[in-house]
Amino acid sequence: AASTLTLVKSTLKIMTYAKLKLSLGIAAAILLTAGAATVAISQID
């Protein structure tokens, strides 16, 4: 379904940025295309 593919795409972005931030030790939140996802991953990090 289109909604599932949208979820796949945005979740892959979150995982990519989370891995990048963890490896570089970056504390500031990285802006994502989905603004709501930015809030979630920023709090996790």
PDB file of all heavy atoms in Angstrom:
ATOM      1  N   ALA A   1       0.837  -1.197   0.000  1.00  0.00           N
ATOM      2  CA  ALA A   1       0.000   0.000   0.000  1.00  0.00           C
ATOM      3  C   ALA A   1       0.874   1.250   0.000  1.00  0.00           C
ATOM      4  O   ALA A   1       2.003   1.250   0.501  1.00  0.00           O
ATOM      5  CB  ALA A   1      -0.910  -0.010   1.222  1.00  0.00           C
ATOM      6  N   ALA A   2       0.335   2.329  -0.562  1.00  0.00           N
ATOM      7  CA  ALA A   2       1.100   3.576  -0.637  1.00  0.00           C
ATOM      8  C   ALA A   2       1.494   4.070   0.741  1.00  0.00           C
ATOM      9  O   ALA A   2       2.607   4.570   0.943  1.00  0.00           O
ATOM     10  CB  ALA A   2       0.274   4.633  -1.370  1.00  0.00           C
ATOM     11  N   SER A   3       0.599   3.926   1.712  1.00  0.00           N
ATOM     12  CA  SER A   3       0.904   4.384   3.069  1.00  0.00           C
ATOM     13  C   SER A   3       2.049   3.568   3.670  1.00  0.00           C
ATOM     14  O   SER A   3       2.889   4.093   4.398  1.00  0.00           O
ATOM     15  CB  SER A   3      -0.341   4.283   3.961  1.00  0.00           C
ATOM     16  OG  SER A   3      -0.817   2.945   4.000  1.00  0.00           O
ATOM     17  N   THR A   4       2.097   2.268   3.352  1.00  0.00           N
ATOM     18  CA  THR A   4       3.191   1.429   3.850  1.00  0.00           C
ATOM     19  C   THR A   4       4.511   1.846   3.245  1.00  0.00           C
ATOM     20  O   THR A   4       5.536   1.936   3.934  1.00  0.00           O
ATOM     21  CB  THR A   4       2.915  -0.053   3.532  1.00  0.00           C
ATOM     22  OG1 THR A   4       1.659  -0.433   4.102  1.00  0.00           O
ATOM     23  CG2 THR A   4       4.010  -0.940   4.084  1.00  0.00           C
ATOM     24  N   LEU A   5       4.528   2.118   1.952  1.00  0.00           N
ATOM     25  CA  LEU A   5       5.760   2.543   1.290  1.00  0.00           C
ATOM     26  C   LEU A   5       6.230   3.897   1.816  1.00  0.00           C
ATOM     27  O   LEU A   5       7.433   4.138   1.941  1.00  0.00           O
ATOM     28  CB  LEU A   5       5.544   2.602  -0.224  1.00  0.00           C
ATOM     29  CG  LEU A   5       5.264   1.251  -0.897  1.00  0.00           C
ATOM     30  CD1 LEU A   5       4.987   1.442  -2.376  1.00  0.00           C
ATOM     31  CD2 LEU A   5       6.427   0.291  -0.673  1.00  0.00           C
ATOM     32  N   THR A   6       5.269   4.786   2.133  1.00  0.00           N
ATOM     33  CA  THR A   6       5.639   6.077   2.741  1.00  0.00           C
ATOM     34  C   THR A   6       6.297   5.854   4.091  1.00  0.00           C
ATOM     35  O   THR A   6       7.291   6.503   4.432  1.00  0.00           O
ATOM     36  CB  THR A   6       4.391   6.958   2.901  1.00  0.00           C
ATOM     37  OG1 THR A   6       3.823   7.216   1.611  1.00  0.00           O
ATOM     38  CG2 THR A   6       4.744   8.284   3.573  1.00  0.00           C
ATOM     39  N   LEU A   7       5.730   4.932   4.858  1.00  0.00           N
ATOM     40  CA  LEU A   7       6.294   4.613   6.162  1.00  0.00           C
ATOM     41  C   LEU A   7       7.691   4.012   6.022  1.00  0.00           C
ATOM     42  O   LEU A   7       8.604   4.344   6.783  1.00  0.00           O
ATOM     43  CB  LEU A   7       5.364   3.638   6.897  1.00  0.00           C
ATOM     44  CG  LEU A   7       5.795   3.187   8.293  1.00  0.00           C
ATOM     45  CD1 LEU A   7       5.950   4.382   9.221  1.00  0.00           C
ATOM     46  CD2 LEU A   7       4.774   2.199   8.858  1.00  0.00           C
ATOM     47  N   VAL A   8       7.876   3.144   5.056  1.00  0.00           N
ATOM     48  CA  VAL A   8       9.203   2.560   4.809  1.00  0.00           C
ATOM     49  C   VAL A   8      10.215   3.643   4.490  1.00  0.00           C
ATOM     50  O   VAL A   8      11.314   3.688   5.054  1.00  0.00           O
ATOM     51  CB  VAL A   8       9.134   1.543   3.650  1.00  0.00           C
ATOM     52  CG1 VAL A   8      10.539   1.136   3.204  1.00  0.00           C
ATOM     53  CG2 VAL A   8       8.343   0.311   4.068  1.00  0.00           C
ATOM     54  N   LYS A   9       9.854   4.536   3.596  1.00  0.00           N
ATOM     55  CA  LYS A   9      10.788   5.576   3.155  1.00  0.00           C
ATOM     56  C   LYS A   9      11.199   6.488   4.304  1.00  0.00           C
ATOM     57  O   LYS A   9      12.390   6.761   4.511  1.00  0.00           O
ATOM     58  CB  LYS A   9      10.138   6.405   2.047  1.00  0.00           C
ATOM     59  CG  LYS A   9      11.043   7.483   1.463  1.00  0.00           C
ATOM     60  CD  LYS A   9      10.343   8.227   0.326  1.00  0.00           C
ATOM     61  CE  LYS A   9      11.251   9.314  -0.251  1.00  0.00           C
ATOM     62  NZ  LYS A   9      10.565  10.041  -1.351  1.00  0.00           N
ATOM     63  N   SER A  10      10.231   6.965   5.095  1.00  0.00           N
ATOM     64  CA  SER A  10      10.563   7.896   6.169  1.00  0.00           C
ATOM     65  C   SER A  10      11.292   7.203   7.313  1.00  0.00           C
ATOM     66  O   SER A  10      12.163   7.787   7.956  1.00  0.00           O
ATOM     67  CB  SER A  10       9.295   8.592   6.688  1.00  0.00           C
ATOM     68  OG  SER A  10       8.324   7.640   7.075  1.00  0.00           O
ATOM     69  N   THR A  11      10.965   5.922   7.572  1.00  0.00           N
ATOM     70  CA  THR A  11      11.661   5.193   8.629  1.00  0.00           C
ATOM     71  C   THR A  11      13.108   4.924   8.242  1.00  0.00           C
ATOM     72  O   THR A  11      14.013   5.000   9.079  1.00  0.00           O
ATOM     73  CB  THR A  11      10.942   3.869   8.932  1.00  0.00           C
ATOM     74  OG1 THR A  11       9.596   4.137   9.335  1.00  0.00           O
ATOM     75  CG2 THR A  11      11.648   3.099  10.043  1.00  0.00           C
ATOM     76  N   LEU A  12      13.357   4.601   6.987  1.00  0.00           N
ATOM     77  CA  LEU A  12      14.736   4.426   6.522  1.00  0.00           C
ATOM     78  C   LEU A  12      15.545   5.702   6.709  1.00  0.00           C
ATOM     79  O   LEU A  12      16.725   5.661   7.059  1.00  0.00           O
ATOM     80  CB  LEU A  12      14.747   4.000   5.053  1.00  0.00           C
ATOM     81  CG  LEU A  12      14.455   2.519   4.792  1.00  0.00           C
ATOM     82  CD1 LEU A  12      14.225   2.286   3.309  1.00  0.00           C
ATOM     83  CD2 LEU A  12      15.607   1.649   5.289  1.00  0.00           C
ATOM     84  N   LYS A  13      14.909   6.843   6.498  1.00  0.00           N
ATOM     85  CA  LYS A  13      15.603   8.117   6.716  1.00  0.00           C
ATOM     86  C   LYS A  13      15.979   8.268   8.192  1.00  0.00           C
ATOM     87  O   LYS A  13      17.087   8.673   8.530  1.00  0.00           O
ATOM     88  CB  LYS A  13      14.713   9.295   6.290  1.00  0.00           C
ATOM     89  CG  LYS A  13      14.625   9.501   4.794  1.00  0.00           C
ATOM     90  CD  LYS A  13      13.820  10.756   4.491  1.00  0.00           C
ATOM     91  CE  LYS A  13      13.760  11.009   2.995  1.00  0.00           C
ATOM     92  NZ  LYS A  13      13.008  12.243   2.676  1.00  0.00           N
ATOM     93  N   ILE A  14      15.021   7.952   9.062  1.00  0.00           N
ATOM     94  CA  ILE A  14      15.283   8.056  10.494  1.00  0.00           C
ATOM     95  C   ILE A  14      16.453   7.155  10.885  1.00  0.00           C
ATOM     96  O   ILE A  14      17.365   7.559  11.609  1.00  0.00           O
ATOM     97  CB  ILE A  14      14.027   7.672  11.304  1.00  0.00           C
ATOM     98  CG1 ILE A  14      12.952   8.740  11.135  1.00  0.00           C
ATOM     99  CG2 ILE A  14      14.360   7.503  12.779  1.00  0.00           C
ATOM    100  CD1 ILE A  14      11.643   8.395  11.811  1.00  0.00           C
ATOM    101  N   MET A  15      16.445   5.928  10.412  1.00  0.00           N
ATOM    102  CA  MET A  15      17.511   4.980  10.762  1.00  0.00           C
ATOM    103  C   MET A  15      18.859   5.447  10.238  1.00  0.00           C
ATOM    104  O   MET A  15      19.882   5.333  10.916  1.00  0.00           O
ATOM    105  CB  MET A  15      17.166   3.596  10.208  1.00  0.00           C
ATOM    106  CG  MET A  15      15.941   2.958  10.852  1.00  0.00           C
ATOM    107  SD  MET A  15      15.444   1.428  10.045  1.00  0.00           S
ATOM    108  CE  MET A  15      16.839   0.379  10.454  1.00  0.00           C
ATOM    109  N   THR A  16      18.877   5.993   9.035  1.00  0.00           N
ATOM    110  CA  THR A  16      20.136   6.471   8.456  1.00  0.00           C
ATOM    111  C   THR A  16      20.699   7.621   9.263  1.00  0.00           C
ATOM    112  O   THR A  16      21.886   7.647   9.614  1.00  0.00           O
ATOM    113  CB  THR A  16      19.910   6.922   7.006  1.00  0.00           C
ATOM    114  OG1 THR A  16      19.442   5.805   6.240  1.00  0.00           O
ATOM    115  CG2 THR A  16      21.209   7.447   6.398  1.00  0.00           C
ATOM    116  N   TYR A  17      19.852   8.585   9.577  1.00  0.00           N
ATOM    117  CA  TYR A  17      20.327   9.747  10.332  1.00  0.00           C
ATOM    118  C   TYR A  17      20.688   9.371  11.759  1.00  0.00           C
ATOM    119  O   TYR A  17      21.644   9.909  12.328  1.00  0.00           O
ATOM    120  CB  TYR A  17      19.274  10.849  10.327  1.00  0.00           C
ATOM    121  CG  TYR A  17      19.248  11.625   9.033  1.00  0.00           C
ATOM    122  CD1 TYR A  17      18.131  11.609   8.211  1.00  0.00           C
ATOM    123  CD2 TYR A  17      20.345  12.377   8.645  1.00  0.00           C
ATOM    124  CE1 TYR A  17      18.113  12.305   7.025  1.00  0.00           C
ATOM    125  CE2 TYR A  17      20.324  13.088   7.455  1.00  0.00           C
ATOM    126  CZ  TYR A  17      19.202  13.052   6.645  1.00  0.00           C
ATOM    127  OH  TYR A  17      19.195  13.746   5.473  1.00  0.00           O
ATOM    128  N   ALA A  18      19.946   8.447  12.359  1.00  0.00           N
ATOM    129  CA  ALA A  18      20.266   8.027  13.722  1.00  0.00           C
ATOM    130  C   ALA A  18      21.640   7.366  13.777  1.00  0.00           C
ATOM    131  O   ALA A  18      22.436   7.624  14.678  1.00  0.00           O
ATOM    132  CB  ALA A  18      19.199   7.066  14.247  1.00  0.00           C
ATOM    133  N   LYS A  19      21.924   6.515  12.798  1.00  0.00           N
ATOM    134  CA  LYS A  19      23.231   5.848  12.749  1.00  0.00           C
ATOM    135  C   LYS A  19      24.343   6.858  12.521  1.00  0.00           C
ATOM    136  O   LYS A  19      25.409   6.794  13.138  1.00  0.00           O
ATOM    137  CB  LYS A  19      23.231   4.807  11.632  1.00  0.00           C
ATOM    138  CG  LYS A  19      24.512   3.979  11.580  1.00  0.00           C
ATOM    139  CD  LYS A  19      24.404   2.895  10.515  1.00  0.00           C
ATOM    140  CE  LYS A  19      25.674   2.054  10.470  1.00  0.00           C
ATOM    141  NZ  LYS A  19      25.586   0.995   9.436  1.00  0.00           N
ATOM    142  N   LEU A  20      24.099   7.828  11.655  1.00  0.00           N
ATOM    143  CA  LEU A  20      25.105   8.849  11.371  1.00  0.00           C
ATOM    144  C   LEU A  20      25.389   9.686  12.602  1.00  0.00           C
ATOM    145  O   LEU A  20      26.542   9.940  12.953  1.00  0.00           O
ATOM    146  CB  LEU A  20      24.615   9.747  10.234  1.00  0.00           C
ATOM    147  CG  LEU A  20      25.514  10.933   9.875  1.00  0.00           C
ATOM    148  CD1 LEU A  20      26.864  10.445   9.362  1.00  0.00           C
ATOM    149  CD2 LEU A  20      24.837  11.811   8.825  1.00  0.00           C
ATOM    150  N   LYS A  21      24.339  10.097  13.302  1.00  0.00           N
ATOM    151  CA  LYS A  21      24.518  10.941  14.480  1.00  0.00           C
ATOM    152  C   LYS A  21      25.209  10.190  15.603  1.00  0.00           C
ATOM    153  O   LYS A  21      26.016  10.752  16.332  1.00  0.00           O
ATOM    154  CB  LYS A  21      23.167  11.465  14.965  1.00  0.00           C
ATOM    155  CG  LYS A  21      22.549  12.481  14.029  1.00  0.00           C
ATOM    156  CD  LYS A  21      21.137  12.834  14.440  1.00  0.00           C
ATOM    157  CE  LYS A  21      21.129  13.611  15.730  1.00  0.00           C
ATOM    158  NZ  LYS A  21      19.772  14.017  16.122  1.00  0.00           N
ATOM    159  N   LEU A  22      24.902   8.901  15.731  1.00  0.00           N
ATOM    160  CA  LEU A  22      25.534   8.119  16.788  1.00  0.00           C
ATOM    161  C   LEU A  22      27.024   7.960  16.519  1.00  0.00           C
ATOM    162  O   LEU A  22      27.847   8.104  17.412  1.00  0.00           O
ATOM    163  CB  LEU A  22      24.856   6.752  16.889  1.00  0.00           C
ATOM    164  CG  LEU A  22      25.365   5.832  18.000  1.00  0.00           C
ATOM    165  CD1 LEU A  22      25.141   6.478  19.357  1.00  0.00           C
ATOM    166  CD2 LEU A  22      24.675   4.480  17.920  1.00  0.00           C
ATOM    167  N   SER A  23      27.392   7.701  15.265  1.00  0.00           N
ATOM    168  CA  SER A  23      28.798   7.479  14.943  1.00  0.00           C
ATOM    169  C   SER A  23      29.614   8.753  15.030  1.00  0.00           C
ATOM    170  O   SER A  23      30.784   8.733  15.383  1.00  0.00           O
ATOM    171  CB  SER A  23      28.922   6.876  13.534  1.00  0.00           C
ATOM    172  OG  SER A  23      28.423   7.784  12.560  1.00  0.00           O
ATOM    173  N   LEU A  24      29.028   9.884  14.722  1.00  0.00           N
ATOM    174  CA  LEU A  24      29.754  11.154  14.765  1.00  0.00           C
ATOM    175  C   LEU A  24      29.633  11.854  16.104  1.00  0.00           C
ATOM    176  O   LEU A  24      30.336  12.827  16.376  1.00  0.00           O
ATOM    177  CB  LEU A  24      29.230  12.086  13.658  1.00  0.00           C
ATOM    178  CG  LEU A  24      29.442  11.604  12.224  1.00  0.00           C
ATOM    179  CD1 LEU A  24      28.849  12.604  11.240  1.00  0.00           C
ATOM    180  CD2 LEU A  24      30.915  11.392  11.923  1.00  0.00           C
ATOM    181  N   GLY A  25      28.726  11.384  16.965  1.00  0.00           N
ATOM    182  CA  GLY A  25      28.539  12.015  18.276  1.00  0.00           C
ATOM    183  C   GLY A  25      27.896  13.385  18.167  1.00  0.00           C
ATOM    184  O   GLY A  25      28.171  14.272  18.966  1.00  0.00           O
ATOM    185  N   ILE A  26      27.031  13.577  17.179  1.00  0.00           N
ATOM    186  CA  ILE A  26      26.400  14.876  16.978  1.00  0.00           C
ATOM    187  C   ILE A  26      25.222  15.008  17.928  1.00  0.00           C
ATOM    188  O   ILE A  26      24.334  14.163  17.940  1.00  0.00           O
ATOM    189  CB  ILE A  26      25.908  15.037  15.527  1.00  0.00           C
ATOM    190  CG1 ILE A  26      27.100  14.895  14.576  1.00  0.00           C
ATOM    191  CG2 ILE A  26      25.221  16.374  15.330  1.00  0.00           C
ATOM    192  CD1 ILE A  26      26.700  14.890  13.127  1.00  0.00           C
ATOM    193  N   ALA A  27      25.201  16.067  18.733  1.00  0.00           N
ATOM    194  CA  ALA A  27      24.144  16.225  19.720  1.00  0.00           C
ATOM    195  C   ALA A  27      22.923  16.928  19.155  1.00  0.00           C
ATOM    196  O   ALA A  27      21.806  16.695  19.587  1.00  0.00           O
ATOM    197  CB  ALA A  27      24.671  17.000  20.922  1.00  0.00           C
ATOM    198  N   ALA A  28      23.106  17.824  18.202  1.00  0.00           N
ATOM    199  CA  ALA A  28      21.984  18.601  17.682  1.00  0.00           C
ATOM    200  C   ALA A  28      21.090  17.732  16.823  1.00  0.00           C
ATOM    201  O   ALA A  28      21.547  16.818  16.144  1.00  0.00           O
ATOM    202  CB  ALA A  28      22.495  19.785  16.868  1.00  0.00           C
ATOM    203  N   ALA A  29      19.791  17.977  16.856  1.00  0.00           N
ATOM    204  CA  ALA A  29      18.842  17.205  16.061  1.00  0.00           C
ATOM    205  C   ALA A  29      19.014  17.507  14.586  1.00  0.00           C
ATOM    206  O   ALA A  29      19.212  18.646  14.179  1.00  0.00           O
ATOM    207  CB  ALA A  29      17.411  17.550  16.483  1.00  0.00           C
ATOM    208  N   ILE A  30      18.986  16.471  13.749  1.00  0.00           N
ATOM    209  CA  ILE A  30      19.084  16.643  12.295  1.00  0.00           C
ATOM    210  C   ILE A  30      17.678  16.810  11.732  1.00  0.00           C
ATOM    211  O   ILE A  30      16.769  16.056  12.052  1.00  0.00           O
ATOM    212  CB  ILE A  30      19.776  15.426  11.656  1.00  0.00           C
ATOM    213  CG1 ILE A  30      21.219  15.339  12.159  1.00  0.00           C
ATOM    214  CG2 ILE A  30      19.754  15.510  10.146  1.00  0.00           C
ATOM    215  CD1 ILE A  30      21.965  14.130  11.646  1.00  0.00           C
ATOM    216  N   LEU A  31      17.512  17.799  10.885  1.00  0.00           N
ATOM    217  CA  LEU A  31      16.206  18.062  10.305  1.00  0.00           C
ATOM    218  C   LEU A  31      15.876  16.995   9.264  1.00  0.00           C
ATOM    219  O   LEU A  31      16.658  16.720   8.370  1.00  0.00           O
ATOM    220  CB  LEU A  31      16.182  19.447   9.638  1.00  0.00           C
ATOM    221  CG  LEU A  31      16.401  20.626  10.593  1.00  0.00           C
ATOM    222  CD1 LEU A  31      16.408  21.925   9.808  1.00  0.00           C
ATOM    223  CD2 LEU A  31      15.304  20.661  11.643  1.00  0.00           C
ATOM    224  N   LEU A  32      14.695  16.391   9.406  1.00  0.00           N
ATOM    225  CA  LEU A  32      14.243  15.394   8.458  1.00  0.00           C
ATOM    226  C   LEU A  32      13.102  15.963   7.624  1.00  0.00           C
ATOM    227  O   LEU A  32      12.514  16.987   7.948  1.00  0.00           O
ATOM    228  CB  LEU A  32      13.752  14.143   9.196  1.00  0.00           C
ATOM    229  CG  LEU A  32      14.785  13.491  10.137  1.00  0.00           C
ATOM    230  CD1 LEU A  32      14.165  12.290  10.814  1.00  0.00           C
ATOM    231  CD2 LEU A  32      16.018  13.085   9.377  1.00  0.00           C
ATOM    232  N   THR A  33      12.789  15.268   6.559  1.00  0.00           N
ATOM    233  CA  THR A  33      11.690  15.706   5.700  1.00  0.00           C
ATOM    234  C   THR A  33      10.379  15.692   6.456  1.00  0.00           C
ATOM    235  O   THR A  33       9.576  16.608   6.377  1.00  0.00           O
ATOM    236  CB  THR A  33      11.581  14.784   4.468  1.00  0.00           C
ATOM    237  OG1 THR A  33      12.831  14.802   3.788  1.00  0.00           O
ATOM    238  CG2 THR A  33      10.464  15.258   3.551  1.00  0.00           C
ATOM    239  N   ALA A  34      10.161  14.643   7.215  1.00  0.00           N
ATOM    240  CA  ALA A  34       8.945  14.566   8.036  1.00  0.00           C
ATOM    241  C   ALA A  34       9.203  15.244   9.364  1.00  0.00           C
ATOM    242  O   ALA A  34       9.978  14.763  10.168  1.00  0.00           O
ATOM    243  CB  ALA A  34       8.550  13.106   8.258  1.00  0.00           C
ATOM    244  N   GLY A  35       8.549  16.380   9.604  1.00  0.00           N
ATOM    245  CA  GLY A  35       8.800  17.139  10.813  1.00  0.00           C
ATOM    246  C   GLY A  35       8.492  16.363  12.073  1.00  0.00           C
ATOM    247  O   GLY A  35       9.192  16.463  13.071  1.00  0.00           O
ATOM    248  N   ALA A  36       7.430  15.559  12.054  1.00  0.00           N
ATOM    249  CA  ALA A  36       7.075  14.786  13.242  1.00  0.00           C
ATOM    250  C   ALA A  36       8.149  13.766  13.561  1.00  0.00           C
ATOM    251  O   ALA A  36       8.432  13.479  14.721  1.00  0.00           O
ATOM    252  CB  ALA A  36       5.736  14.078  13.016  1.00  0.00           C
ATOM    253  N   ALA A  37       8.738  13.178  12.521  1.00  0.00           N
ATOM    254  CA  ALA A  37       9.799  12.205  12.753  1.00  0.00           C
ATOM    255  C   ALA A  37      11.008  12.862  13.385  1.00  0.00           C
ATOM    256  O   ALA A  37      11.731  12.253  14.153  1.00  0.00           O
ATOM    257  CB  ALA A  37      10.188  11.544  11.434  1.00  0.00           C
ATOM    258  N   THR A  38      11.250  14.139  13.057  1.00  0.00           N
ATOM    259  CA  THR A  38      12.376  14.868  13.656  1.00  0.00           C
ATOM    260  C   THR A  38      12.238  14.915  15.168  1.00  0.00           C
ATOM    261  O   THR A  38      13.202  14.712  15.894  1.00  0.00           O
ATOM    262  CB  THR A  38      12.420  16.311  13.108  1.00  0.00           C
ATOM    263  OG1 THR A  38      12.522  16.269  11.692  1.00  0.00           O
ATOM    264  CG2 THR A  38      13.599  17.067  13.676  1.00  0.00           C
ATOM    265  N   VAL A  39      11.020  15.178  15.653  1.00  0.00           N
ATOM    266  CA  VAL A  39      10.793  15.239  17.089  1.00  0.00           C
ATOM    267  C   VAL A  39      11.115  13.909  17.739  1.00  0.00           C
ATOM    268  O   VAL A  39      11.794  13.830  18.765  1.00  0.00           O
ATOM    269  CB  VAL A  39       9.326  15.631  17.393  1.00  0.00           C
ATOM    270  CG1 VAL A  39       9.060  15.573  18.881  1.00  0.00           C
ATOM    271  CG2 VAL A  39       9.044  17.022  16.847  1.00  0.00           C
ATOM    272  N   ALA A  40      10.658  12.811  17.135  1.00  0.00           N
ATOM    273  CA  ALA A  40      10.861  11.497  17.723  1.00  0.00           C
ATOM    274  C   ALA A  40      12.331  11.131  17.810  1.00  0.00           C
ATOM    275  O   ALA A  40      12.827  10.716  18.851  1.00  0.00           O
ATOM    276  CB  ALA A  40      10.104  10.436  16.897  1.00  0.00           C
ATOM    277  N   ILE A  41      13.068  11.289  16.711  1.00  0.00           N
ATOM    278  CA  ILE A  41      14.460  10.874  16.714  1.00  0.00           C
ATOM    279  C   ILE A  41      15.322  11.815  17.537  1.00  0.00           C
ATOM    280  O   ILE A  41      16.283  11.403  18.165  1.00  0.00           O
ATOM    281  CB  ILE A  41      14.991  10.762  15.269  1.00  0.00           C
ATOM    282  CG1 ILE A  41      16.342  10.027  15.274  1.00  0.00           C
ATOM    283  CG2 ILE A  41      15.152  12.118  14.623  1.00  0.00           C
ATOM    284  CD1 ILE A  41      16.274   8.632  15.785  1.00  0.00           C
ATOM    285  N   SER A  42      14.973  13.107  17.584  1.00  0.00           N
ATOM    286  CA  SER A  42      15.743  14.042  18.393  1.00  0.00           C
ATOM    287  C   SER A  42      15.655  13.684  19.866  1.00  0.00           C
ATOM    288  O   SER A  42      16.644  13.757  20.588  1.00  0.00           O
ATOM    289  CB  SER A  42      15.223  15.472  18.174  1.00  0.00           C
ATOM    290  OG  SER A  42      15.407  15.870  16.848  1.00  0.00           O
ATOM    291  N   GLN A  43      14.474  13.298  20.327  1.00  0.00           N
ATOM    292  CA  GLN A  43      14.313  12.927  21.730  1.00  0.00           C
ATOM    293  C   GLN A  43      15.089  11.664  22.053  1.00  0.00           C
ATOM    294  O   GLN A  43      15.715  11.547  23.096  1.00  0.00           O
ATOM    295  CB  GLN A  43      12.825  12.719  22.049  1.00  0.00           C
ATOM    296  CG  GLN A  43      12.561  12.442  23.517  1.00  0.00           C
ATOM    297  CD  GLN A  43      13.063  13.549  24.415  1.00  0.00           C
ATOM    298  OE1 GLN A  43      12.787  14.718  24.181  1.00  0.00           O
ATOM    299  NE2 GLN A  43      13.843  13.191  25.423  1.00  0.00           N
ATOM    300  N   ILE A  44      15.055  10.690  21.122  1.00  0.00           N
ATOM    301  CA  ILE A  44      15.806   9.464  21.329  1.00  0.00           C
ATOM    302  C   ILE A  44      17.283   9.772  21.492  1.00  0.00           C
ATOM    303  O   ILE A  44      17.940   9.327  22.424  1.00  0.00           O
ATOM    304  CB  ILE A  44      15.590   8.499  20.139  1.00  0.00           C
ATOM    305  CG1 ILE A  44      14.163   7.943  20.156  1.00  0.00           C
ATOM    306  CG2 ILE A  44      16.596   7.358  20.172  1.00  0.00           C
ATOM    307  CD1 ILE A  44      13.800   7.149  18.933  1.00  0.00           C
ATOM    308  N   ASP A  45      17.842  10.579  20.580  1.00  0.00           N
ATOM    309  CA  ASP A  45      19.267  10.872  20.617  1.00  0.00           C
ATOM    310  C   ASP A  45      19.639  11.706  21.825  1.00  0.00           C
ATOM    311  O   ASP A  45      20.692  11.519  22.421  1.00  0.00           O
ATOM    312  CB  ASP A  45      19.683  11.599  19.333  1.00  0.00           C
ATOM    313  CG  ASP A  45      19.621  10.674  18.122  1.00  0.00           C
ATOM    314  OD1 ASP A  45      19.579   9.454  18.328  1.00  0.00           O
ATOM    315  OD2 ASP A  45      19.615  11.178  16.999  1.00  0.00           O
TER     316      ASP A  45
END
